[in-house]
């Protein structure tokens, strides 16, 4: 699903990756296990094509990420950062607006599916009628997960997405992603992810 071939990358003459190679297979659940500042978030950005390596290749679905393939490949990927910023407005309207994007034109909004995901992620249905600026950080993080699932992407990139949750919800969210068929790549300092049987990707 994702392959790094002899990737080398430096920022301001500081080496981040040196001849880094690894393969993440379809359906893998992977925890990026490296010290702070070692480039974990940068690795996610390389998968999305926002950062290009100085040398080597990054492939998604056996295709090299470049100007010719990036639009198609990003249609396979959903990225969720630690700070989730939604446009101001009623939650349900914001979700519907996302379905209105050209890149999502083949998807159909289904409120029953949204409610099912809300239940799975311990979100109250009443939130659909709330304004996005009224949501807590944890609610925004879980709403971001709902949107990711609705967009039916094959690869989920998660960057510190449980940081605003209590210990019980951290476990629920971790277990939730472990149960999915999609490929999941996680950056997190929360111990709950380390306690799973996720594959560790180290450098």
N, C-alpha and C. Protein backbone atom coordinates (compact mmCIF):
# COMPACT_ATOMS: atom_id res chain seq x y z
N UNK A 1 0.83 -1.21 0.00
CA UNK A 1 0.00 0.00 0.00
C UNK A 1 0.86 1.27 0.00
N UNK A 2 1.88 1.31 0.91
CA UNK A 2 2.79 2.46 0.97
C UNK A 2 4.22 1.92 1.04
N UNK A 3 5.10 2.50 0.25
CA UNK A 3 6.49 2.05 0.25
C UNK A 3 7.44 3.23 0.23
N UNK A 4 8.44 3.16 1.11
CA UNK A 4 9.53 4.13 1.12
C UNK A 4 10.77 3.43 0.60
N UNK A 5 11.38 4.00 -0.45
CA UNK A 5 12.56 3.40 -1.06
C UNK A 5 13.75 4.34 -0.92
N UNK A 6 14.65 4.00 -0.01
CA UNK A 6 15.90 4.75 0.16
C UNK A 6 15.66 6.26 0.26
N UNK A 7 14.71 6.63 1.13
CA UNK A 7 14.34 8.02 1.28
C UNK A 7 15.37 8.77 2.13
N UNK A 8 15.83 9.89 1.60
CA UNK A 8 16.73 10.77 2.33
C UNK A 8 16.11 12.16 2.33
N UNK A 9 16.10 12.80 3.52
CA UNK A 9 15.51 14.12 3.64
C UNK A 9 16.22 14.90 4.74
N UNK A 10 16.53 16.16 4.45
CA UNK A 10 17.14 17.06 5.43
C UNK A 10 16.39 18.37 5.44
N UNK A 11 16.34 19.02 6.60
CA UNK A 11 15.81 20.37 6.74
C UNK A 11 16.90 21.26 7.32
N UNK A 12 17.24 22.33 6.60
CA UNK A 12 18.29 23.26 7.06
C UNK A 12 19.55 22.50 7.45
N UNK A 13 19.94 21.57 6.58
CA UNK A 13 21.15 20.75 6.77
C UNK A 13 21.05 19.78 7.94
N UNK A 14 19.87 19.68 8.56
CA UNK A 14 19.67 18.68 9.62
C UNK A 14 19.07 17.42 9.00
N UNK A 15 19.77 16.29 9.04
CA UNK A 15 19.23 15.06 8.45
C UNK A 15 18.03 14.54 9.23
N UNK A 16 16.96 14.23 8.50
CA UNK A 16 15.75 13.66 9.10
C UNK A 16 15.67 12.17 8.78
N UNK A 17 15.86 11.85 7.51
CA UNK A 17 15.87 10.45 7.06
C UNK A 17 17.11 10.22 6.20
N UNK A 18 17.71 9.05 6.35
CA UNK A 18 18.89 8.69 5.56
C UNK A 18 18.71 7.27 5.04
N UNK A 19 18.51 7.16 3.73
CA UNK A 19 18.31 5.86 3.08
C UNK A 19 17.25 5.02 3.80
N UNK A 20 16.14 5.66 4.11
CA UNK A 20 15.05 5.01 4.84
C UNK A 20 14.19 4.19 3.88
N UNK A 21 14.00 2.92 4.19
CA UNK A 21 13.17 2.04 3.37
C UNK A 21 12.23 1.25 4.28
N UNK A 22 10.99 1.11 3.85
CA UNK A 22 10.02 0.32 4.59
C UNK A 22 8.77 0.14 3.74
N UNK A 23 8.01 -0.87 4.08
CA UNK A 23 6.77 -1.15 3.36
C UNK A 23 5.63 -1.28 4.37
N UNK A 24 4.53 -0.58 4.11
CA UNK A 24 3.32 -0.70 4.90
C UNK A 24 2.28 -1.36 4.01
N UNK A 25 1.83 -2.53 4.41
CA UNK A 25 0.90 -3.29 3.58
C UNK A 25 -0.54 -2.84 3.80
N UNK A 26 -1.39 -3.18 2.86
CA UNK A 26 -2.80 -2.84 2.97
C UNK A 26 -3.40 -3.45 4.23
N UNK A 27 -4.10 -2.63 5.01
CA UNK A 27 -4.73 -3.09 6.23
C UNK A 27 -3.85 -3.05 7.46
N UNK A 28 -2.57 -2.73 7.29
CA UNK A 28 -1.66 -2.65 8.45
C UNK A 28 -2.10 -1.54 9.41
N UNK A 29 -1.85 -1.77 10.67
CA UNK A 29 -2.02 -0.76 11.71
C UNK A 29 -0.63 -0.44 12.24
N UNK A 30 -0.17 0.79 12.01
CA UNK A 30 1.23 1.13 12.24
C UNK A 30 1.36 2.31 13.19
N UNK A 31 2.22 2.15 14.19
CA UNK A 31 2.55 3.24 15.10
C UNK A 31 3.96 3.72 14.75
N UNK A 32 4.09 5.01 14.43
CA UNK A 32 5.41 5.56 14.16
C UNK A 32 6.13 5.76 15.47
N UNK A 33 7.19 5.01 15.65
CA UNK A 33 7.88 4.93 16.93
C UNK A 33 9.27 5.54 16.78
N UNK A 34 9.35 6.84 17.03
CA UNK A 34 10.63 7.55 16.91
C UNK A 34 10.62 8.71 17.90
N UNK A 35 11.80 9.20 18.30
CA UNK A 35 11.86 10.30 19.28
C UNK A 35 11.21 11.57 18.75
N UNK A 36 10.86 12.48 19.65
CA UNK A 36 10.34 13.78 19.26
C UNK A 36 11.34 14.49 18.35
N UNK A 37 10.83 15.09 17.28
CA UNK A 37 11.70 15.80 16.35
C UNK A 37 12.35 14.91 15.31
N UNK A 38 12.01 13.62 15.32
CA UNK A 38 12.64 12.69 14.39
C UNK A 38 11.95 12.65 13.03
N UNK A 39 10.82 13.35 12.89
CA UNK A 39 10.19 13.42 11.58
C UNK A 39 8.94 12.59 11.40
N UNK A 40 8.26 12.26 12.50
CA UNK A 40 7.05 11.43 12.38
C UNK A 40 5.95 12.14 11.58
N UNK A 41 5.67 13.39 11.93
CA UNK A 41 4.66 14.14 11.18
C UNK A 41 5.12 14.41 9.75
N UNK A 42 6.43 14.59 9.58
CA UNK A 42 6.98 14.78 8.23
C UNK A 42 6.75 13.55 7.38
N UNK A 43 6.85 12.37 7.97
CA UNK A 43 6.60 11.14 7.23
C UNK A 43 5.17 11.11 6.71
N UNK A 44 4.21 11.55 7.54
CA UNK A 44 2.82 11.61 7.09
C UNK A 44 2.69 12.59 5.92
N UNK A 45 3.39 13.72 6.01
CA UNK A 45 3.32 14.72 4.94
C UNK A 45 3.93 14.20 3.65
N UNK A 46 4.94 13.34 3.75
CA UNK A 46 5.50 12.74 2.54
C UNK A 46 4.50 11.79 1.89
N UNK A 47 3.75 11.06 2.72
CA UNK A 47 2.73 10.16 2.17
C UNK A 47 1.67 10.95 1.42
N UNK A 48 1.36 12.15 1.90
CA UNK A 48 0.36 12.99 1.25
C UNK A 48 0.93 13.83 0.11
N UNK A 49 2.24 13.80 -0.05
CA UNK A 49 2.85 14.54 -1.14
C UNK A 49 3.11 16.00 -0.83
N UNK A 50 2.97 16.41 0.42
CA UNK A 50 3.23 17.80 0.80
C UNK A 50 4.72 18.06 1.00
N UNK A 51 5.48 17.01 1.28
CA UNK A 51 6.93 17.10 1.43
C UNK A 51 7.55 16.07 0.48
N UNK A 52 8.51 16.53 -0.33
CA UNK A 52 9.21 15.65 -1.25
C UNK A 52 10.58 15.28 -0.69
N UNK A 53 10.98 14.02 -0.76
CA UNK A 53 12.31 13.64 -0.27
C UNK A 53 13.40 14.24 -1.14
N UNK A 54 14.56 14.46 -0.55
CA UNK A 54 15.71 14.91 -1.32
C UNK A 54 16.19 13.83 -2.28
N UNK A 55 16.03 12.61 -1.85
CA UNK A 55 16.42 11.47 -2.68
C UNK A 55 15.52 10.29 -2.30
N UNK A 56 15.38 9.32 -3.19
CA UNK A 56 14.55 8.17 -2.93
C UNK A 56 13.11 8.38 -3.40
N UNK A 57 12.29 7.37 -3.17
CA UNK A 57 10.92 7.38 -3.67
C UNK A 57 9.92 7.08 -2.56
N UNK A 58 8.75 7.70 -2.66
CA UNK A 58 7.60 7.34 -1.83
C UNK A 58 6.49 6.90 -2.78
N UNK A 59 5.99 5.68 -2.57
CA UNK A 59 4.95 5.15 -3.43
C UNK A 59 3.70 4.85 -2.61
N UNK A 60 2.55 5.16 -3.19
CA UNK A 60 1.26 4.82 -2.61
C UNK A 60 0.49 4.03 -3.65
N UNK A 61 0.00 2.87 -3.26
CA UNK A 61 -0.71 1.99 -4.20
C UNK A 61 0.15 1.72 -5.44
N UNK A 62 1.43 1.52 -5.20
CA UNK A 62 2.43 1.19 -6.23
C UNK A 62 2.70 2.33 -7.21
N UNK A 63 2.24 3.53 -6.90
CA UNK A 63 2.48 4.67 -7.76
C UNK A 63 3.36 5.70 -7.04
N UNK A 64 4.36 6.20 -7.76
CA UNK A 64 5.19 7.25 -7.18
C UNK A 64 4.37 8.52 -7.03
N UNK A 65 4.54 9.19 -5.90
CA UNK A 65 3.83 10.45 -5.66
C UNK A 65 4.54 11.56 -6.43
N UNK A 66 3.85 12.11 -7.43
CA UNK A 66 4.39 13.24 -8.18
C UNK A 66 3.22 14.09 -8.68
N UNK A 67 3.51 15.08 -9.48
CA UNK A 67 2.46 16.02 -9.92
C UNK A 67 1.40 15.33 -10.76
N UNK A 68 1.74 14.22 -11.40
CA UNK A 68 0.77 13.52 -12.25
C UNK A 68 -0.16 12.61 -11.46
N UNK A 69 0.29 12.14 -10.30
CA UNK A 69 -0.49 11.15 -9.56
C UNK A 69 -1.08 11.68 -8.25
N UNK A 70 -0.60 12.85 -7.80
CA UNK A 70 -0.93 13.28 -6.45
C UNK A 70 -2.43 13.47 -6.23
N UNK A 71 -3.14 14.03 -7.21
CA UNK A 71 -4.58 14.27 -7.03
C UNK A 71 -5.32 12.96 -6.83
N UNK A 72 -5.01 11.97 -7.64
CA UNK A 72 -5.67 10.67 -7.53
C UNK A 72 -5.32 9.98 -6.22
N UNK A 73 -4.05 10.03 -5.84
CA UNK A 73 -3.61 9.33 -4.64
C UNK A 73 -4.18 9.95 -3.38
N UNK A 74 -4.33 11.27 -3.36
CA UNK A 74 -4.89 11.91 -2.17
C UNK A 74 -6.35 11.53 -1.96
N UNK A 75 -7.01 11.07 -3.01
CA UNK A 75 -8.38 10.59 -2.88
C UNK A 75 -8.46 9.30 -2.07
N UNK A 76 -7.31 8.67 -1.84
CA UNK A 76 -7.27 7.44 -1.06
C UNK A 76 -6.97 7.71 0.40
N UNK A 77 -6.58 8.94 0.73
CA UNK A 77 -6.00 9.25 2.04
C UNK A 77 -6.86 10.23 2.82
N UNK A 78 -7.02 9.94 4.11
CA UNK A 78 -7.66 10.88 5.03
C UNK A 78 -6.66 11.20 6.14
N UNK A 79 -6.45 12.49 6.38
CA UNK A 79 -5.49 12.94 7.39
C UNK A 79 -6.23 13.67 8.49
N UNK A 80 -5.94 13.30 9.74
CA UNK A 80 -6.56 13.97 10.87
C UNK A 80 -5.47 14.47 11.82
N UNK A 81 -5.35 15.80 11.98
CA UNK A 81 -4.33 16.36 12.86
C UNK A 81 -4.82 16.47 14.30
N UNK A 82 -3.93 16.87 15.18
CA UNK A 82 -4.28 17.05 16.59
C UNK A 82 -5.31 18.16 16.77
N UNK A 83 -5.11 19.28 16.09
CA UNK A 83 -6.05 20.39 16.17
C UNK A 83 -6.96 20.35 14.96
N UNK A 84 -8.23 20.02 15.18
CA UNK A 84 -9.18 19.90 14.08
C UNK A 84 -9.97 21.20 13.99
N UNK A 85 -9.87 21.87 12.87
CA UNK A 85 -10.55 23.15 12.69
C UNK A 85 -11.63 23.03 11.63
N UNK A 86 -12.87 23.10 12.07
CA UNK A 86 -14.00 23.07 11.15
C UNK A 86 -14.48 24.50 10.88
N UNK A 87 -15.07 24.73 9.71
CA UNK A 87 -15.67 26.05 9.45
C UNK A 87 -16.78 26.33 10.46
N UNK A 88 -17.03 27.58 10.70
CA UNK A 88 -18.11 27.97 11.61
C UNK A 88 -19.45 27.63 10.97
N UNK A 89 -20.33 27.02 11.76
CA UNK A 89 -21.66 26.68 11.27
C UNK A 89 -22.23 25.48 11.99
N UNK A 90 -23.48 25.15 11.68
CA UNK A 90 -24.11 23.99 12.28
C UNK A 90 -23.37 22.72 11.82
N UNK A 91 -23.13 21.81 12.75
CA UNK A 91 -22.33 20.62 12.46
C UNK A 91 -22.85 19.86 11.25
N UNK A 92 -24.15 19.61 11.19
CA UNK A 92 -24.68 18.83 10.07
C UNK A 92 -24.47 19.57 8.75
N UNK A 93 -24.62 20.89 8.75
CA UNK A 93 -24.42 21.66 7.52
C UNK A 93 -22.96 21.60 7.08
N UNK A 94 -22.04 21.64 8.04
CA UNK A 94 -20.61 21.56 7.72
C UNK A 94 -20.29 20.22 7.07
N UNK A 95 -20.85 19.14 7.62
CA UNK A 95 -20.63 17.81 7.03
C UNK A 95 -21.20 17.76 5.62
N UNK A 96 -22.41 18.28 5.43
CA UNK A 96 -23.03 18.29 4.10
C UNK A 96 -22.20 19.09 3.10
N UNK A 97 -21.63 20.20 3.56
CA UNK A 97 -20.78 21.01 2.68
C UNK A 97 -19.57 20.22 2.18
N UNK A 98 -19.01 19.38 3.06
CA UNK A 98 -17.87 18.55 2.67
C UNK A 98 -18.28 17.58 1.56
N UNK A 99 -19.49 17.07 1.65
CA UNK A 99 -20.00 16.18 0.59
C UNK A 99 -20.20 16.95 -0.72
N UNK A 100 -20.30 18.26 -0.63
CA UNK A 100 -20.50 19.06 -1.83
C UNK A 100 -19.23 19.37 -2.59
N UNK A 101 -18.06 19.04 -2.00
CA UNK A 101 -16.79 19.28 -2.70
C UNK A 101 -16.74 18.44 -3.98
N UNK A 102 -16.11 18.97 -5.00
CA UNK A 102 -16.02 18.27 -6.28
C UNK A 102 -15.38 16.89 -6.12
N UNK A 103 -14.37 16.81 -5.27
CA UNK A 103 -13.65 15.54 -5.09
C UNK A 103 -14.52 14.48 -4.41
N UNK A 104 -15.63 14.91 -3.77
CA UNK A 104 -16.51 13.96 -3.08
C UNK A 104 -17.85 13.80 -3.80
N UNK A 105 -17.90 14.16 -5.06
CA UNK A 105 -19.17 14.23 -5.78
C UNK A 105 -19.87 12.88 -5.92
N UNK A 106 -19.12 11.78 -5.80
CA UNK A 106 -19.73 10.46 -5.95
C UNK A 106 -20.32 9.95 -4.64
N UNK A 107 -20.12 10.67 -3.55
CA UNK A 107 -20.64 10.26 -2.26
C UNK A 107 -21.99 10.91 -1.98
N UNK A 108 -22.82 10.20 -1.24
CA UNK A 108 -24.15 10.70 -0.91
C UNK A 108 -24.28 10.83 0.61
N UNK A 109 -24.73 11.98 1.06
CA UNK A 109 -24.91 12.19 2.49
C UNK A 109 -26.07 11.34 3.00
N UNK A 110 -25.83 10.61 4.08
CA UNK A 110 -26.85 9.73 4.67
C UNK A 110 -26.84 9.96 6.18
N UNK A 111 -27.87 10.64 6.68
CA UNK A 111 -27.88 10.98 8.10
C UNK A 111 -27.86 9.74 8.99
N UNK A 112 -28.50 8.67 8.56
CA UNK A 112 -28.52 7.46 9.38
C UNK A 112 -27.11 6.89 9.54
N UNK A 113 -26.30 7.01 8.50
CA UNK A 113 -24.91 6.56 8.60
C UNK A 113 -24.13 7.45 9.55
N UNK A 114 -24.41 8.75 9.50
CA UNK A 114 -23.75 9.69 10.41
C UNK A 114 -24.10 9.36 11.86
N UNK A 115 -25.38 9.10 12.12
CA UNK A 115 -25.82 8.79 13.48
C UNK A 115 -25.18 7.49 13.97
N UNK A 116 -25.06 6.51 13.08
CA UNK A 116 -24.41 5.25 13.45
C UNK A 116 -22.96 5.50 13.88
N UNK A 117 -22.25 6.33 13.11
CA UNK A 117 -20.87 6.65 13.46
C UNK A 117 -20.80 7.45 14.75
N UNK A 118 -21.75 8.35 14.95
CA UNK A 118 -21.80 9.09 16.22
C UNK A 118 -21.93 8.12 17.39
N UNK A 119 -22.78 7.14 17.26
CA UNK A 119 -22.98 6.16 18.33
C UNK A 119 -21.70 5.37 18.59
N UNK A 120 -21.03 4.97 17.51
CA UNK A 120 -19.80 4.19 17.65
C UNK A 120 -18.70 4.99 18.34
N UNK A 121 -18.73 6.31 18.17
CA UNK A 121 -17.67 7.16 18.71
C UNK A 121 -18.13 7.95 19.94
N UNK A 122 -19.27 7.55 20.50
CA UNK A 122 -19.78 8.15 21.74
C UNK A 122 -19.99 9.65 21.59
N UNK A 123 -20.60 10.03 20.48
CA UNK A 123 -21.03 11.41 20.25
C UNK A 123 -22.55 11.47 20.29
N UNK A 124 -23.10 12.44 20.96
CA UNK A 124 -24.55 12.58 21.05
C UNK A 124 -25.10 13.14 19.74
N UNK A 125 -26.20 12.57 19.28
CA UNK A 125 -26.82 12.99 18.03
C UNK A 125 -27.16 14.48 18.03
N UNK A 126 -27.44 15.03 19.20
CA UNK A 126 -27.81 16.45 19.29
C UNK A 126 -26.71 17.37 18.80
N UNK A 127 -25.47 16.88 18.76
CA UNK A 127 -24.35 17.69 18.29
C UNK A 127 -24.57 18.13 16.84
N UNK A 128 -25.32 17.35 16.08
CA UNK A 128 -25.57 17.71 14.68
C UNK A 128 -26.19 19.10 14.55
N UNK A 129 -26.93 19.52 15.57
CA UNK A 129 -27.58 20.82 15.54
C UNK A 129 -26.79 21.90 16.28
N UNK A 130 -25.61 21.54 16.78
CA UNK A 130 -24.76 22.50 17.48
C UNK A 130 -23.89 23.26 16.49
N UNK A 131 -23.39 24.40 16.93
CA UNK A 131 -22.42 25.14 16.14
C UNK A 131 -21.04 24.54 16.38
N UNK A 132 -20.22 24.48 15.35
CA UNK A 132 -18.90 23.85 15.50
C UNK A 132 -18.04 24.54 16.55
N UNK A 133 -18.24 25.84 16.75
CA UNK A 133 -17.40 26.54 17.73
C UNK A 133 -17.82 26.24 19.16
N UNK A 134 -18.93 25.51 19.34
CA UNK A 134 -19.38 25.10 20.67
C UNK A 134 -18.81 23.76 21.09
N UNK A 135 -18.14 23.07 20.18
CA UNK A 135 -17.64 21.73 20.46
C UNK A 135 -16.33 21.78 21.25
N UNK A 136 -16.15 20.80 22.12
CA UNK A 136 -14.88 20.66 22.84
C UNK A 136 -13.83 20.11 21.89
N UNK A 137 -12.57 20.15 22.33
CA UNK A 137 -11.50 19.60 21.52
C UNK A 137 -11.69 18.12 21.23
N UNK A 138 -12.14 17.37 22.25
CA UNK A 138 -12.38 15.94 22.07
C UNK A 138 -13.52 15.66 21.12
N UNK A 139 -14.57 16.48 21.16
CA UNK A 139 -15.69 16.31 20.24
C UNK A 139 -15.26 16.61 18.81
N UNK A 140 -14.43 17.64 18.64
CA UNK A 140 -13.93 17.95 17.30
C UNK A 140 -13.07 16.82 16.75
N UNK A 141 -12.25 16.22 17.61
CA UNK A 141 -11.41 15.12 17.16
C UNK A 141 -12.27 13.94 16.71
N UNK A 142 -13.31 13.63 17.48
CA UNK A 142 -14.18 12.51 17.10
C UNK A 142 -15.04 12.85 15.88
N UNK A 143 -15.45 14.11 15.76
CA UNK A 143 -16.19 14.52 14.57
C UNK A 143 -15.29 14.39 13.33
N UNK A 144 -14.01 14.70 13.49
CA UNK A 144 -13.07 14.51 12.40
C UNK A 144 -12.99 13.05 11.97
N UNK A 145 -13.05 12.14 12.94
CA UNK A 145 -13.04 10.71 12.62
C UNK A 145 -14.31 10.34 11.84
N UNK A 146 -15.44 10.89 12.25
CA UNK A 146 -16.70 10.64 11.54
C UNK A 146 -16.57 11.04 10.08
N UNK A 147 -16.04 12.24 9.84
CA UNK A 147 -15.88 12.72 8.47
C UNK A 147 -14.94 11.81 7.68
N UNK A 148 -13.84 11.38 8.30
CA UNK A 148 -12.91 10.48 7.64
C UNK A 148 -13.61 9.21 7.18
N UNK A 149 -14.43 8.66 8.06
CA UNK A 149 -15.13 7.41 7.73
C UNK A 149 -16.16 7.63 6.62
N UNK A 150 -16.83 8.76 6.65
CA UNK A 150 -17.84 9.05 5.62
C UNK A 150 -17.22 9.20 4.24
N UNK A 151 -15.99 9.66 4.18
CA UNK A 151 -15.34 9.89 2.89
C UNK A 151 -14.78 8.61 2.27
N UNK A 152 -14.84 7.50 3.02
CA UNK A 152 -14.51 6.17 2.50
C UNK A 152 -13.10 6.10 1.91
N UNK A 153 -12.13 6.66 2.63
CA UNK A 153 -10.75 6.59 2.19
C UNK A 153 -10.13 5.25 2.62
N UNK A 154 -9.04 4.87 1.97
CA UNK A 154 -8.40 3.58 2.25
C UNK A 154 -7.24 3.69 3.25
N UNK A 155 -6.72 4.90 3.42
CA UNK A 155 -5.58 5.11 4.29
C UNK A 155 -5.91 6.22 5.28
N UNK A 156 -5.74 5.95 6.57
CA UNK A 156 -6.00 6.94 7.61
C UNK A 156 -4.67 7.33 8.26
N UNK A 157 -4.36 8.62 8.22
CA UNK A 157 -3.16 9.15 8.85
C UNK A 157 -3.60 9.95 10.07
N UNK A 158 -3.19 9.52 11.26
CA UNK A 158 -3.68 10.09 12.52
C UNK A 158 -2.53 10.72 13.29
N UNK A 159 -2.60 12.03 13.52
CA UNK A 159 -1.51 12.74 14.19
C UNK A 159 -1.99 13.28 15.54
N UNK A 160 -1.71 12.52 16.60
CA UNK A 160 -2.06 12.90 17.98
C UNK A 160 -3.57 13.15 18.14
N UNK A 161 -4.38 12.24 17.59
CA UNK A 161 -5.83 12.49 17.57
C UNK A 161 -6.53 12.16 18.88
N UNK A 162 -5.84 11.55 19.84
CA UNK A 162 -6.48 11.24 21.12
C UNK A 162 -6.01 12.17 22.24
N UNK A 163 -5.29 13.21 21.88
CA UNK A 163 -4.67 14.08 22.89
C UNK A 163 -5.68 14.78 23.78
N UNK A 164 -6.88 15.07 23.25
CA UNK A 164 -7.88 15.83 24.01
C UNK A 164 -8.92 14.94 24.67
N UNK A 165 -8.70 13.62 24.67
CA UNK A 165 -9.68 12.69 25.21
C UNK A 165 -9.27 12.16 26.58
N UNK A 166 -10.27 11.77 27.38
CA UNK A 166 -9.96 11.12 28.65
C UNK A 166 -9.51 9.69 28.40
N UNK A 167 -9.03 9.02 29.43
CA UNK A 167 -8.42 7.70 29.26
C UNK A 167 -9.40 6.68 28.69
N UNK A 168 -10.66 6.75 29.09
CA UNK A 168 -11.65 5.81 28.58
C UNK A 168 -11.88 6.00 27.08
N UNK A 169 -12.01 7.26 26.66
CA UNK A 169 -12.23 7.53 25.24
C UNK A 169 -10.99 7.23 24.40
N UNK A 170 -9.80 7.44 24.99
CA UNK A 170 -8.58 7.08 24.27
C UNK A 170 -8.61 5.60 23.90
N UNK A 171 -8.99 4.77 24.86
CA UNK A 171 -9.05 3.33 24.61
C UNK A 171 -10.11 2.99 23.57
N UNK A 172 -11.27 3.63 23.67
CA UNK A 172 -12.35 3.39 22.71
C UNK A 172 -11.92 3.73 21.29
N UNK A 173 -11.28 4.89 21.11
CA UNK A 173 -10.85 5.31 19.78
C UNK A 173 -9.75 4.41 19.25
N UNK A 174 -8.81 4.05 20.10
CA UNK A 174 -7.74 3.15 19.70
C UNK A 174 -8.32 1.81 19.23
N UNK A 175 -9.19 1.23 20.03
CA UNK A 175 -9.82 -0.05 19.68
C UNK A 175 -10.62 0.07 18.38
N UNK A 176 -11.25 1.22 18.21
CA UNK A 176 -12.07 1.45 17.01
C UNK A 176 -11.21 1.36 15.75
N UNK A 177 -10.08 2.05 15.74
CA UNK A 177 -9.23 2.02 14.55
C UNK A 177 -8.57 0.66 14.35
N UNK A 178 -8.27 -0.02 15.45
CA UNK A 178 -7.69 -1.36 15.33
C UNK A 178 -8.66 -2.34 14.69
N UNK A 179 -9.95 -2.06 14.79
CA UNK A 179 -10.97 -2.98 14.25
C UNK A 179 -11.27 -2.76 12.77
N UNK A 180 -10.75 -1.68 12.19
CA UNK A 180 -11.07 -1.34 10.80
C UNK A 180 -10.24 -2.15 9.81
N UNK A 181 -10.75 -2.26 8.59
CA UNK A 181 -10.01 -2.94 7.52
C UNK A 181 -9.00 -2.02 6.85
N UNK A 182 -9.20 -0.70 6.97
CA UNK A 182 -8.33 0.26 6.29
C UNK A 182 -6.92 0.28 6.89
N UNK A 183 -5.98 0.81 6.13
CA UNK A 183 -4.62 1.02 6.61
C UNK A 183 -4.61 2.22 7.54
N UNK A 184 -4.01 2.06 8.71
CA UNK A 184 -4.00 3.13 9.72
C UNK A 184 -2.56 3.39 10.16
N UNK A 185 -2.15 4.66 10.09
CA UNK A 185 -0.80 5.06 10.51
C UNK A 185 -0.94 6.13 11.58
N UNK A 186 -0.33 5.90 12.73
CA UNK A 186 -0.57 6.74 13.90
C UNK A 186 0.71 7.39 14.41
N UNK A 187 0.60 8.69 14.70
CA UNK A 187 1.60 9.40 15.50
C UNK A 187 0.93 9.74 16.82
N UNK A 188 1.47 9.27 17.93
CA UNK A 188 0.86 9.55 19.23
C UNK A 188 1.84 9.31 20.36
N UNK A 189 1.75 10.15 21.39
CA UNK A 189 2.51 9.95 22.61
C UNK A 189 1.66 9.25 23.68
N UNK A 190 0.40 8.95 23.35
CA UNK A 190 -0.48 8.28 24.31
C UNK A 190 -0.11 6.80 24.42
N UNK A 191 0.05 6.34 25.65
CA UNK A 191 0.46 4.95 25.88
C UNK A 191 -0.55 3.94 25.37
N UNK A 192 -1.81 4.34 25.23
CA UNK A 192 -2.84 3.40 24.82
C UNK A 192 -2.53 2.77 23.46
N UNK A 193 -1.91 3.53 22.56
CA UNK A 193 -1.55 2.99 21.25
C UNK A 193 -0.39 2.01 21.37
N UNK A 194 0.51 2.27 22.32
CA UNK A 194 1.68 1.41 22.49
C UNK A 194 1.31 0.07 23.10
N UNK A 195 0.14 0.00 23.72
CA UNK A 195 -0.29 -1.23 24.38
C UNK A 195 -0.99 -2.18 23.42
N UNK A 196 -1.13 -1.81 22.15
CA UNK A 196 -1.76 -2.67 21.16
C UNK A 196 -0.70 -3.52 20.46
N UNK A 197 -1.15 -4.36 19.54
CA UNK A 197 -0.20 -5.16 18.76
C UNK A 197 0.07 -4.50 17.41
N UNK A 198 -0.02 -3.16 17.38
CA UNK A 198 0.29 -2.43 16.15
C UNK A 198 1.73 -2.68 15.72
N UNK A 199 1.95 -2.68 14.44
CA UNK A 199 3.31 -2.73 13.92
C UNK A 199 4.03 -1.44 14.29
N UNK A 200 5.28 -1.55 14.71
CA UNK A 200 6.08 -0.37 15.05
C UNK A 200 6.99 -0.03 13.86
N UNK A 201 6.94 1.20 13.43
CA UNK A 201 7.83 1.65 12.37
C UNK A 201 8.86 2.57 13.00
N UNK A 202 10.14 2.14 12.98
CA UNK A 202 11.20 2.85 13.69
C UNK A 202 12.29 3.30 12.72
N UNK A 203 12.99 4.36 13.12
CA UNK A 203 14.16 4.82 12.37
C UNK A 203 15.07 5.63 13.28
